[in-house]
Amino acid sequence: MDRNALVRTRQQRLVKQLASSSTAAFVQLLSGPQLFEAVQSQLPRHRQRVYPPLQTLSMFVTQALSADGACQQAVNAVSLQRIGAGQAPCSTRTGGYCQARERLDTQMVSTLTRRAGEALCGAAQSRWRWRGRRVCIVDGTTLRMPDTAANQAAFPQPRTQAPGVGFPICRLLVLMCLGTAALLDAAIGRYKGKGGDEHTLLRSILHALQREDVLLGDALYPSYWLLWLLQELGVDAVFEQHGARALSTDFRRGKRLGTRDHLIVLSKPLRRPEWMSAQQYERVPEQLPVRELRAGGKTLVTTLVCPKQTSKGELKALYRCRWHVELDLRSIKSTLGMHMLSCRSPQMVIKEIWVYLLGYNLIRMIMAKAAALADVLPRQLSFKHAVQLCNVWTSRGRELWSEQHFAQLLVLIAQQRVGQRSGRIEPRAIKRRPLAYPLLTTPRGQAKVKLGVCRPGASLTKYH
């Protein structure tokens, strides 16, 4: 049997497994030509259980995308789907499913997430790129998780919060594709402490960048060391200049390229950073030419130094697109509900984050197909609208699994477009008032003792 026939046979077997296990319909993307090889290589050897790895992953992703997000809801849905498929219903107890989630390999989930992002970018149309080049955006955010001893040890809460009244917090750094909105890679670290800053996390995922890429970032990123690392990779950068340096920028110095546009030479810092070896430090050049310009009320620093090849107006328009990463993070945290995680151990927290990111990329893959069908840009389509449609689609089970129904789903996704956001500035304030409850300033167990609902020294259950 030749290789193509073998691949088709394995793919048919995988699709049959998906159909027989009541797996959510949209996760059939995992068995499609874009991700089939990745699934086959990452799927571990396993016994035939009620919750095999692929179905468990599908349920976990569906759980992350649903409004309820509870394990009980995921198990109930599978039990009803088995009845609809003529199979024996499984127990509605969540213990077996939770154990199956723990058996899932985090490396498998993260690899599938990255492969989905790569496949989406690889299939991008040329007009989705910037001057034929892929543009990536980097940014960081924070996530909270349940207040357990294990989570506090791995991801401590801020020092400004008293013990027992705060939540463990972690930092998430994402690398997004501007054209397709795909997540290319991510890094997870502590909010405070060594190794948790955004520069360290970014260095750990620089391998996701390709030669000729362009990287966009805010004022946190333009350091000599990062600009040199990007130069080594053949990647150009467009960053906002750091606030203190932007105030001291003198456009009368250096080589003048235009109005408030000049070429300067940065000198190598004398102090070697802790993460860099002595051999690397010796290899770093003594000077680094960069371009500074004032555009759109901001001072930008870039390695695109030729004004004839890249004009000031083009750089201004490109940097304004950096705001899309804020919208992508809002889609992940608010629309999908990842701002507050639910797992109670650090290992499961990391796995849960990657499951959310995998679900985000799968939705973006469907949106890219819809955008290509409607001849629009993927970012012109509504992410929340796509999530709502996919949730309804998956809830119908195998009833809507045909190619005809999938094509109709793409048409529906392409019907809702996002509004024009050019130059939109909103106050960072909310109109809706919160409920008039005081903040909890002591651990909940101590507060219950003060209320007289339990005696001191009794076994107290935390509900942080």
Protein backbone atom coordinates (compact mmCIF):
# COMPACT_ATOMS: atom_id res chain seq x y z
CA MET A 1 0.00 0.00 0.00
CA ASP A 2 1.46 3.36 -0.99
CA ARG A 3 1.77 6.23 1.48
CA ASN A 4 -1.22 8.20 0.13
CA ALA A 5 -3.50 5.19 0.43
CA LEU A 6 -2.21 4.52 3.96
CA VAL A 7 -2.92 8.11 4.97
CA ARG A 8 -6.44 7.90 3.55
CA THR A 9 -7.08 4.65 5.44
CA ARG A 10 -5.88 6.14 8.72
CA GLN A 11 -7.92 9.27 8.10
CA GLN A 12 -11.07 7.24 7.46
CA ARG A 13 -10.43 5.27 10.66
CA LEU A 14 -10.03 8.51 12.60
CA VAL A 15 -13.24 9.97 11.14
CA LYS A 16 -15.06 6.73 12.03
CA GLN A 17 -13.79 7.00 15.59
CA LEU A 18 -15.05 10.59 15.75
CA ALA A 19 -18.48 9.56 14.50
CA SER A 20 -18.82 6.57 16.84
CA SER A 21 -17.77 8.49 19.93
CA SER A 22 -20.27 11.38 19.70
CA THR A 23 -17.47 13.85 19.35
CA ALA A 24 -18.37 17.49 18.76
CA ALA A 25 -18.87 18.09 15.07
CA PHE A 26 -16.57 21.06 14.49
CA VAL A 27 -13.59 19.20 15.96
CA GLN A 28 -13.68 17.11 12.78
CA LEU A 29 -11.19 19.77 11.71
CA LEU A 30 -8.67 17.72 13.67
CA SER A 31 -9.17 14.89 11.20
CA GLY A 32 -8.99 17.18 8.17
CA PRO A 33 -6.00 17.36 5.82
CA GLN A 34 -4.53 20.38 7.64
CA LEU A 35 -4.15 18.70 11.04
CA PHE A 36 -4.40 14.98 10.36
CA GLU A 37 -0.65 14.31 10.51
CA ALA A 38 -0.34 16.26 13.76
CA VAL A 39 -3.19 14.32 15.38
CA GLN A 40 -1.77 10.98 14.28
CA SER A 41 1.70 11.79 15.62
CA GLN A 42 0.47 13.18 18.96
CA LEU A 43 -2.33 10.72 19.77
CA PRO A 44 -1.04 8.33 22.50
CA ARG A 45 -1.66 4.60 22.66
CA HIS A 46 -4.83 4.00 24.66
CA ARG A 47 -7.45 1.46 25.56
CA GLN A 48 -10.99 1.73 24.27
CA ARG A 49 -12.68 3.67 27.07
CA VAL A 50 -15.86 5.67 27.42
CA TYR A 51 -13.65 8.77 27.15
CA PRO A 52 -10.76 8.06 24.74
CA PRO A 53 -8.17 10.85 24.29
CA LEU A 54 -9.65 12.35 21.13
CA GLN A 55 -13.18 12.47 22.50
CA THR A 56 -11.91 13.84 25.83
CA LEU A 57 -10.05 16.59 24.00
CA SER A 58 -13.16 17.35 21.94
CA MET A 59 -15.31 17.55 25.07
CA PHE A 60 -12.72 19.76 26.78
CA VAL A 61 -12.65 22.15 23.80
CA THR A 62 -16.46 22.21 23.58
CA GLN A 63 -16.59 22.87 27.31
CA ALA A 64 -14.22 25.82 26.89
CA LEU A 65 -16.34 27.30 24.08
CA SER A 66 -19.69 26.87 25.78
CA ALA A 67 -21.35 29.50 27.94
CA ASP A 68 -21.83 27.04 30.82
CA GLY A 69 -18.28 25.65 30.91
CA ALA A 70 -19.06 23.01 33.58
CA CYS A 71 -17.86 19.41 33.50
CA GLN A 72 -21.39 18.27 34.35
CA GLN A 73 -22.80 19.98 31.26
CA ALA A 74 -20.14 18.32 29.05
CA VAL A 75 -20.90 14.85 30.44
CA ASN A 76 -24.67 15.36 30.16
CA ALA A 77 -24.31 16.38 26.51
CA VAL A 78 -22.27 13.28 25.63
CA SER A 79 -24.71 10.99 27.44
CA LEU A 80 -27.63 12.40 25.46
CA GLN A 81 -25.67 12.24 22.20
CA ARG A 82 -24.98 8.53 22.81
CA ILE A 83 -28.70 7.92 23.28
CA GLY A 84 -29.42 9.78 20.03
CA ALA A 85 -26.82 7.64 18.24
CA GLY A 86 -28.41 4.42 19.47
CA GLN A 87 -25.63 3.67 21.96
CA ALA A 88 -25.87 2.83 25.63
CA PRO A 89 -25.88 6.03 27.73
CA CYS A 90 -22.86 6.65 29.91
CA SER A 91 -23.04 7.67 33.55
CA THR A 92 -23.69 11.35 34.24
CA ARG A 93 -21.12 11.36 37.04
CA THR A 94 -18.15 13.56 36.17
CA GLY A 95 -15.41 11.50 37.85
CA GLY A 96 -14.50 9.46 34.77
CA TYR A 97 -14.37 12.51 32.51
CA CYS A 98 -12.23 14.47 34.99
CA GLN A 99 -9.77 11.56 35.19
CA ALA A 100 -9.69 11.41 31.40
CA ARG A 101 -8.86 15.14 31.28
CA GLU A 102 -5.97 14.55 33.67
CA ARG A 103 -4.63 11.79 31.39
CA LEU A 104 -4.53 14.15 28.41
CA ASP A 105 -0.97 15.07 27.48
CA THR A 106 -0.42 18.83 27.70
CA GLN A 107 2.29 18.55 25.05
CA MET A 108 -0.25 17.04 22.64
CA VAL A 109 -2.72 19.90 23.20
CA SER A 110 -0.09 22.62 22.83
CA THR A 111 1.36 21.00 19.71
CA LEU A 112 -2.07 20.77 18.08
CA THR A 113 -2.67 24.43 18.93
CA ARG A 114 0.57 25.51 17.26
CA ARG A 115 -0.03 23.25 14.24
CA ALA A 116 -3.51 24.70 13.81
CA GLY A 117 -2.06 28.22 13.82
CA GLU A 118 0.65 27.24 11.35
CA ALA A 119 -1.84 25.53 9.05
CA LEU A 120 -4.11 28.56 9.12
CA CYS A 121 -1.26 30.95 8.29
CA GLY A 122 0.08 28.64 5.61
CA ALA A 123 -3.28 28.62 3.83
CA ALA A 124 -3.68 32.40 4.03
CA GLN A 125 -4.38 34.28 0.83
CA SER A 126 -1.72 36.68 -0.41
CA ARG A 127 -3.93 39.73 0.09
CA TRP A 128 -4.20 38.89 3.78
CA ARG A 129 -0.50 39.72 4.16
CA TRP A 130 1.24 43.10 4.41
CA ARG A 131 3.26 43.75 1.26
CA GLY A 132 3.61 40.02 0.81
CA ARG A 133 5.00 39.52 4.34
CA ARG A 134 3.49 37.87 7.38
CA VAL A 135 2.95 40.28 10.27
CA CYS A 136 2.94 38.95 13.84
CA ILE A 137 1.80 40.80 16.96
CA VAL A 138 3.04 40.12 20.48
CA ASP A 139 1.32 41.10 23.71
CA GLY A 140 0.82 39.84 27.24
CA THR A 141 -2.07 39.55 29.68
CA THR A 142 -2.88 37.98 33.04
CA LEU A 143 -5.26 35.20 34.08
CA ARG A 144 -6.71 34.28 37.45
CA MET A 145 -7.40 30.79 38.80
CA PRO A 146 -9.00 29.11 41.85
CA ASP A 147 -7.37 29.89 45.19
CA THR A 148 -5.79 26.54 46.08
CA ALA A 149 -2.50 25.88 47.84
CA ALA A 150 -1.02 24.24 44.73
CA ASN A 151 -2.00 27.14 42.47
CA GLN A 152 -0.68 29.68 45.00
CA ALA A 153 2.67 27.90 45.12
CA ALA A 154 3.05 27.85 41.34
CA PHE A 155 1.44 31.22 40.52
CA PRO A 156 1.41 33.40 43.67
CA GLN A 157 -1.10 36.20 44.04
CA PRO A 158 0.13 39.82 44.04
CA ARG A 159 1.88 40.94 47.22
CA THR A 160 -0.60 43.81 47.59
CA GLN A 161 -3.37 41.31 48.43
CA ALA A 162 -3.71 39.74 51.87
CA PRO A 163 -3.43 35.93 52.13
CA GLY A 164 -6.78 34.23 51.66
CA VAL A 165 -8.52 37.11 49.90
CA GLY A 166 -6.75 37.10 46.53
CA PHE A 167 -6.45 34.75 43.61
CA PRO A 168 -3.38 33.11 42.07
CA ILE A 169 -2.43 34.87 38.86
CA CYS A 170 -0.30 33.89 35.87
CA ARG A 171 1.05 35.77 32.87
CA LEU A 172 0.19 34.72 29.33
CA LEU A 173 2.18 35.98 26.34
CA VAL A 174 0.67 35.39 22.90
CA LEU A 175 2.05 35.65 19.37
CA MET A 176 -0.76 36.34 16.89
CA CYS A 177 -0.91 36.54 13.10
CA LEU A 178 -2.29 39.87 11.91
CA GLY A 179 -3.75 38.59 8.64
CA THR A 180 -5.59 35.49 9.89
CA ALA A 181 -5.88 36.27 13.65
CA ALA A 182 -4.40 32.82 14.33
CA LEU A 183 -2.48 32.16 17.53
CA LEU A 184 1.00 31.01 16.48
CA ASP A 185 2.45 30.32 19.93
CA ALA A 186 2.09 31.25 23.59
CA ALA A 187 4.14 31.18 26.77
CA ILE A 188 2.91 30.92 30.36
CA GLY A 189 4.77 32.19 33.42
CA ARG A 190 4.45 33.64 36.89
CA TYR A 191 3.06 37.14 37.27
CA LYS A 192 5.89 38.11 39.60
CA GLY A 193 9.38 36.72 39.99
CA LYS A 194 12.32 35.71 37.85
CA GLY A 195 11.45 34.30 34.43
CA GLY A 196 7.91 35.63 34.34
CA ASP A 197 8.48 38.92 32.53
CA GLU A 198 7.28 39.36 28.95
CA HIS A 199 10.77 39.61 27.47
CA THR A 200 11.76 36.23 28.94
CA LEU A 201 8.53 34.63 27.75
CA LEU A 202 8.96 36.12 24.27
CA ARG A 203 12.50 34.76 23.94
CA SER A 204 11.12 31.28 24.64
CA ILE A 205 8.81 31.40 21.59
CA LEU A 206 10.92 33.33 19.09
CA HIS A 207 11.34 30.07 17.16
CA ALA A 208 7.72 30.50 15.98
CA LEU A 209 8.81 33.46 13.84
CA GLN A 210 9.97 32.93 10.27
CA ARG A 211 12.48 34.82 8.18
CA GLU A 212 10.93 37.89 6.51
CA ASP A 213 8.27 38.19 9.22
CA VAL A 214 7.44 41.59 10.73
CA LEU A 215 6.85 41.79 14.49
CA LEU A 216 4.62 44.45 16.05
CA GLY A 217 4.77 45.32 19.74
CA ASP A 218 4.04 48.08 22.23
CA ALA A 219 6.49 50.24 24.17
CA LEU A 220 7.58 47.36 26.42
CA TYR A 221 9.62 45.57 23.76
CA PRO A 222 12.19 47.85 22.01
CA SER A 223 15.37 46.72 23.78
CA TYR A 224 18.80 46.39 22.20
CA TRP A 225 18.89 42.65 22.92
CA LEU A 226 15.50 41.88 21.39
CA LEU A 227 16.23 43.95 18.29
CA TRP A 228 19.49 42.02 17.86
CA LEU A 229 17.79 38.64 18.32
CA LEU A 230 15.18 39.54 15.70
CA GLN A 231 17.93 40.69 13.34
CA GLU A 232 19.61 37.30 13.78
CA LEU A 233 16.35 35.60 12.79
CA GLY A 234 15.85 37.83 9.76
CA VAL A 235 12.73 39.37 11.31
CA ASP A 236 11.93 43.09 11.13
CA ALA A 237 10.38 44.92 14.08
CA VAL A 238 8.01 47.84 14.49
CA PHE A 239 7.67 48.89 18.13
CA GLU A 240 6.49 51.94 19.97
CA GLN A 241 9.46 53.67 21.60
CA HIS A 242 9.71 53.35 25.37
CA GLY A 243 8.11 56.32 27.14
CA ALA A 244 11.30 57.68 28.75
CA ARG A 245 13.29 57.34 25.53
CA ALA A 246 10.46 58.82 23.46
CA LEU A 247 10.50 61.98 25.55
CA SER A 248 14.26 62.39 25.03
CA THR A 249 14.20 61.67 21.29
CA ASP A 250 15.95 64.44 19.34
CA PHE A 251 15.19 64.25 15.62
CA ARG A 252 17.97 66.77 14.91
CA ARG A 253 20.50 64.00 15.56
CA GLY A 254 21.39 61.08 13.34
CA LYS A 255 20.71 60.87 9.64
CA ARG A 256 17.60 62.80 8.65
CA LEU A 257 15.13 60.76 6.55
CA GLY A 258 12.20 63.18 6.61
CA THR A 259 10.08 65.24 8.97
CA ARG A 260 10.51 63.72 12.42
CA ASP A 261 12.08 60.70 10.81
CA HIS A 262 15.75 59.81 11.26
CA LEU A 263 18.25 56.97 11.34
CA ILE A 264 20.22 56.48 14.57
CA VAL A 265 22.80 54.00 15.82
CA LEU A 266 22.28 52.26 19.14
CA SER A 267 25.33 51.30 21.17
CA LYS A 268 25.73 47.90 22.78
CA PRO A 269 25.05 48.04 26.56
CA LEU A 270 28.12 47.42 28.68
CA ARG A 271 26.30 45.19 31.13
CA ARG A 272 25.58 41.63 30.01
CA PRO A 273 22.08 40.39 30.95
CA GLU A 274 21.84 37.30 33.18
CA TRP A 275 20.13 35.17 30.57
CA MET A 276 22.88 35.71 27.98
CA SER A 277 26.07 33.66 27.98
CA ALA A 278 29.49 35.28 27.61
CA GLN A 279 29.87 33.74 24.14
CA GLN A 280 26.56 35.26 23.02
CA TYR A 281 27.54 38.63 24.44
CA GLU A 282 30.77 38.62 22.45
CA ARG A 283 28.82 37.83 19.29
CA VAL A 284 26.46 40.80 19.70
CA PRO A 285 27.52 43.70 17.42
CA GLU A 286 28.77 46.90 19.05
CA GLN A 287 26.25 49.04 17.16
CA LEU A 288 22.77 48.54 15.77
CA PRO A 289 21.20 50.94 13.23
CA VAL A 290 17.48 51.60 13.75
CA ARG A 291 14.95 54.10 12.50
CA GLU A 292 12.93 56.42 14.72
CA LEU A 293 9.90 58.36 13.50
CA ARG A 294 7.00 60.30 14.91
CA ALA A 295 3.63 59.20 13.55
CA GLY A 296 0.08 59.13 14.87
CA GLY A 297 1.08 60.81 18.13
CA LYS A 298 3.60 58.05 18.90
CA THR A 299 7.34 57.62 18.48
CA LEU A 300 8.07 54.38 16.66
CA VAL A 301 11.33 52.45 16.42
CA THR A 302 11.82 50.00 13.56
CA THR A 303 14.44 48.02 11.69
CA LEU A 304 12.76 48.93 8.37
CA VAL A 305 15.32 51.68 7.84
CA CYS A 306 14.82 52.56 4.16
CA PRO A 307 12.17 55.32 3.67
CA LYS A 308 11.95 54.58 -0.06
CA GLN A 309 10.98 50.96 0.54
CA THR A 310 8.76 51.65 3.57
CA SER A 311 7.30 55.11 3.89
CA LYS A 312 6.35 56.83 7.11
CA GLY A 313 2.66 56.59 6.25
CA GLU A 314 2.89 52.85 5.72
CA LEU A 315 4.55 52.36 9.11
CA LYS A 316 1.92 54.51 10.78
CA ALA A 317 -0.89 52.47 9.22
CA LEU A 318 0.84 49.21 10.10
CA TYR A 319 1.38 50.08 13.76
CA ARG A 320 -2.26 51.06 14.14
CA CYS A 321 -3.04 47.41 13.39
CA ARG A 322 -1.28 46.43 16.63
CA TRP A 323 -4.58 47.10 18.39
CA HIS A 324 -5.96 43.88 16.88
CA VAL A 325 -4.05 41.80 19.43
CA GLU A 326 -6.01 43.55 22.19
CA LEU A 327 -9.23 42.50 20.45
CA ASP A 328 -7.92 38.93 20.07
CA LEU A 329 -7.13 38.74 23.78
CA ARG A 330 -10.59 40.11 24.53
CA SER A 331 -12.08 37.37 22.35
CA ILE A 332 -10.15 34.70 24.26
CA LYS A 333 -10.69 36.09 27.75
CA SER A 334 -14.17 37.62 27.56
CA THR A 335 -15.97 35.83 24.71
CA LEU A 336 -14.60 32.39 25.61
CA GLY A 337 -14.46 33.15 29.35
CA MET A 338 -10.79 32.41 30.00
CA HIS A 339 -10.28 35.43 32.30
CA MET A 340 -11.07 33.15 35.26
CA LEU A 341 -9.84 29.57 34.96
CA SER A 342 -11.50 26.66 36.75
CA CYS A 343 -8.85 23.98 37.34
CA ARG A 344 -7.43 23.55 40.83
CA SER A 345 -3.90 22.32 40.12
CA PRO A 346 -1.08 24.03 38.16
CA GLN A 347 -0.76 21.16 35.70
CA MET A 348 -4.46 21.28 34.85
CA VAL A 349 -4.40 25.09 34.72
CA ILE A 350 -1.72 25.03 32.02
CA LYS A 351 -3.62 22.33 30.15
CA GLU A 352 -6.85 24.33 30.40
CA ILE A 353 -5.14 27.41 28.94
CA TRP A 354 -3.91 25.42 25.94
CA VAL A 355 -7.38 23.91 25.42
CA TYR A 356 -8.87 27.41 25.29
CA LEU A 357 -6.22 28.46 22.78
CA LEU A 358 -6.86 25.34 20.67
CA GLY A 359 -10.58 26.10 20.63
CA TYR A 360 -9.80 29.69 19.60
CA ASN A 361 -7.65 28.50 16.68
CA LEU A 362 -10.28 25.99 15.54
CA ILE A 363 -12.89 28.76 15.43
CA ARG A 364 -10.45 30.95 13.50
CA MET A 365 -9.91 28.12 10.99
CA ILE A 366 -13.64 27.97 10.32
CA MET A 367 -13.78 31.77 10.05
CA ALA A 368 -10.91 31.77 7.55
CA LYS A 369 -12.84 29.33 5.35
CA ALA A 370 -15.91 31.57 5.59
CA ALA A 371 -13.83 34.67 4.75
CA ALA A 372 -12.33 32.99 1.68
CA LEU A 373 -15.80 31.94 0.56
CA ALA A 374 -17.18 35.48 0.98
CA ASP A 375 -14.02 37.13 -0.44
CA VAL A 376 -13.43 39.27 2.67
CA LEU A 377 -10.66 39.55 5.25
CA PRO A 378 -10.93 37.18 8.24
CA ARG A 379 -10.86 40.11 10.66
CA GLN A 380 -13.96 41.55 9.02
CA LEU A 381 -16.03 38.69 10.48
CA SER A 382 -17.42 38.60 14.01
CA PHE A 383 -15.66 36.13 16.32
CA LYS A 384 -18.52 36.03 18.82
CA HIS A 385 -21.04 35.38 16.05
CA ALA A 386 -18.90 32.46 14.84
CA VAL A 387 -18.64 31.00 18.36
CA GLN A 388 -22.40 31.20 18.85
CA LEU A 389 -23.09 29.46 15.55
CA CYS A 390 -20.49 26.74 16.22
CA ASN A 391 -21.91 26.06 19.67
CA VAL A 392 -25.39 25.55 18.21
CA TRP A 393 -23.93 23.47 15.39
CA THR A 394 -22.06 21.13 17.74
CA SER A 395 -25.09 20.72 20.00
CA ARG A 396 -27.02 19.15 17.10
CA GLY A 397 -24.59 16.23 16.93
CA ARG A 398 -24.23 14.23 13.72
CA GLU A 399 -27.39 15.79 12.32
CA LEU A 400 -25.35 18.65 10.80
CA TRP A 401 -22.09 16.85 9.94
CA SER A 402 -22.49 16.78 6.15
CA GLU A 403 -20.38 18.88 3.81
CA GLN A 404 -23.53 20.66 2.61
CA HIS A 405 -24.42 21.72 6.15
CA PHE A 406 -20.83 22.82 6.80
CA ALA A 407 -20.93 25.03 3.69
CA GLN A 408 -24.17 26.58 4.92
CA LEU A 409 -22.51 27.22 8.28
CA LEU A 410 -19.74 29.15 6.51
CA VAL A 411 -22.33 31.28 4.73
CA LEU A 412 -23.99 32.12 8.04
CA ILE A 413 -20.67 33.03 9.67
CA ALA A 414 -19.82 35.38 6.78
CA GLN A 415 -23.10 37.28 7.14
CA GLN A 416 -22.10 39.20 10.29
CA ARG A 417 -19.31 41.78 9.85
CA VAL A 418 -17.59 43.80 12.55
CA GLY A 419 -18.08 47.54 12.69
CA GLN A 420 -15.57 50.14 11.57
CA ARG A 421 -13.05 50.65 14.39
CA SER A 422 -10.74 53.18 12.75
CA GLY A 423 -9.58 55.83 15.20
CA ARG A 424 -11.99 54.71 17.91
CA ILE A 425 -11.06 56.05 21.35
CA GLU A 426 -13.10 55.09 24.39
CA PRO A 427 -12.69 56.01 28.08
CA ARG A 428 -11.30 53.19 30.21
CA ALA A 429 -14.32 53.28 32.52
CA ILE A 430 -17.57 51.35 32.91
CA LYS A 431 -21.09 52.73 33.21
CA ARG A 432 -22.74 49.74 34.87
CA ARG A 433 -22.38 49.91 38.64
CA PRO A 434 -21.37 46.74 40.51
CA LEU A 435 -23.56 45.24 43.21
CA ALA A 436 -23.20 47.03 46.55
CA TYR A 437 -21.37 44.25 48.41
CA PRO A 438 -18.25 45.00 50.44
CA LEU A 439 -14.96 43.36 49.47
CA LEU A 440 -13.83 40.26 51.36
CA THR A 441 -10.86 41.42 53.47
CA THR A 442 -10.28 38.20 55.47
CA PRO A 443 -10.25 34.53 54.43
CA ARG A 444 -13.78 33.23 53.92
CA GLY A 445 -13.44 30.73 56.77
CA GLN A 446 -12.59 33.47 59.26
CA ALA A 447 -15.46 35.59 57.96
CA LYS A 448 -17.87 32.67 58.55
CA VAL A 449 -16.61 32.33 62.12
CA LYS A 450 -17.38 36.03 62.72
CA LEU A 451 -20.89 35.49 61.36
CA GLY A 452 -21.35 32.62 63.81
CA VAL A 453 -22.17 30.02 61.15
CA CYS A 454 -19.29 27.77 62.20
CA ARG A 455 -17.12 27.37 65.26
CA PRO A 456 -13.41 28.32 65.40
CA GLY A 457 -11.03 25.50 64.49
CA ALA A 458 -13.63 23.54 62.55
CA SER A 459 -12.83 22.14 59.11
CA LEU A 460 -13.52 25.04 56.75
CA THR A 461 -14.19 24.64 53.08
CA LYS A 462 -12.74 27.43 50.93
CA TYR A 463 -14.86 28.98 48.24
CA HIS A 464 -12.33 31.52 46.98
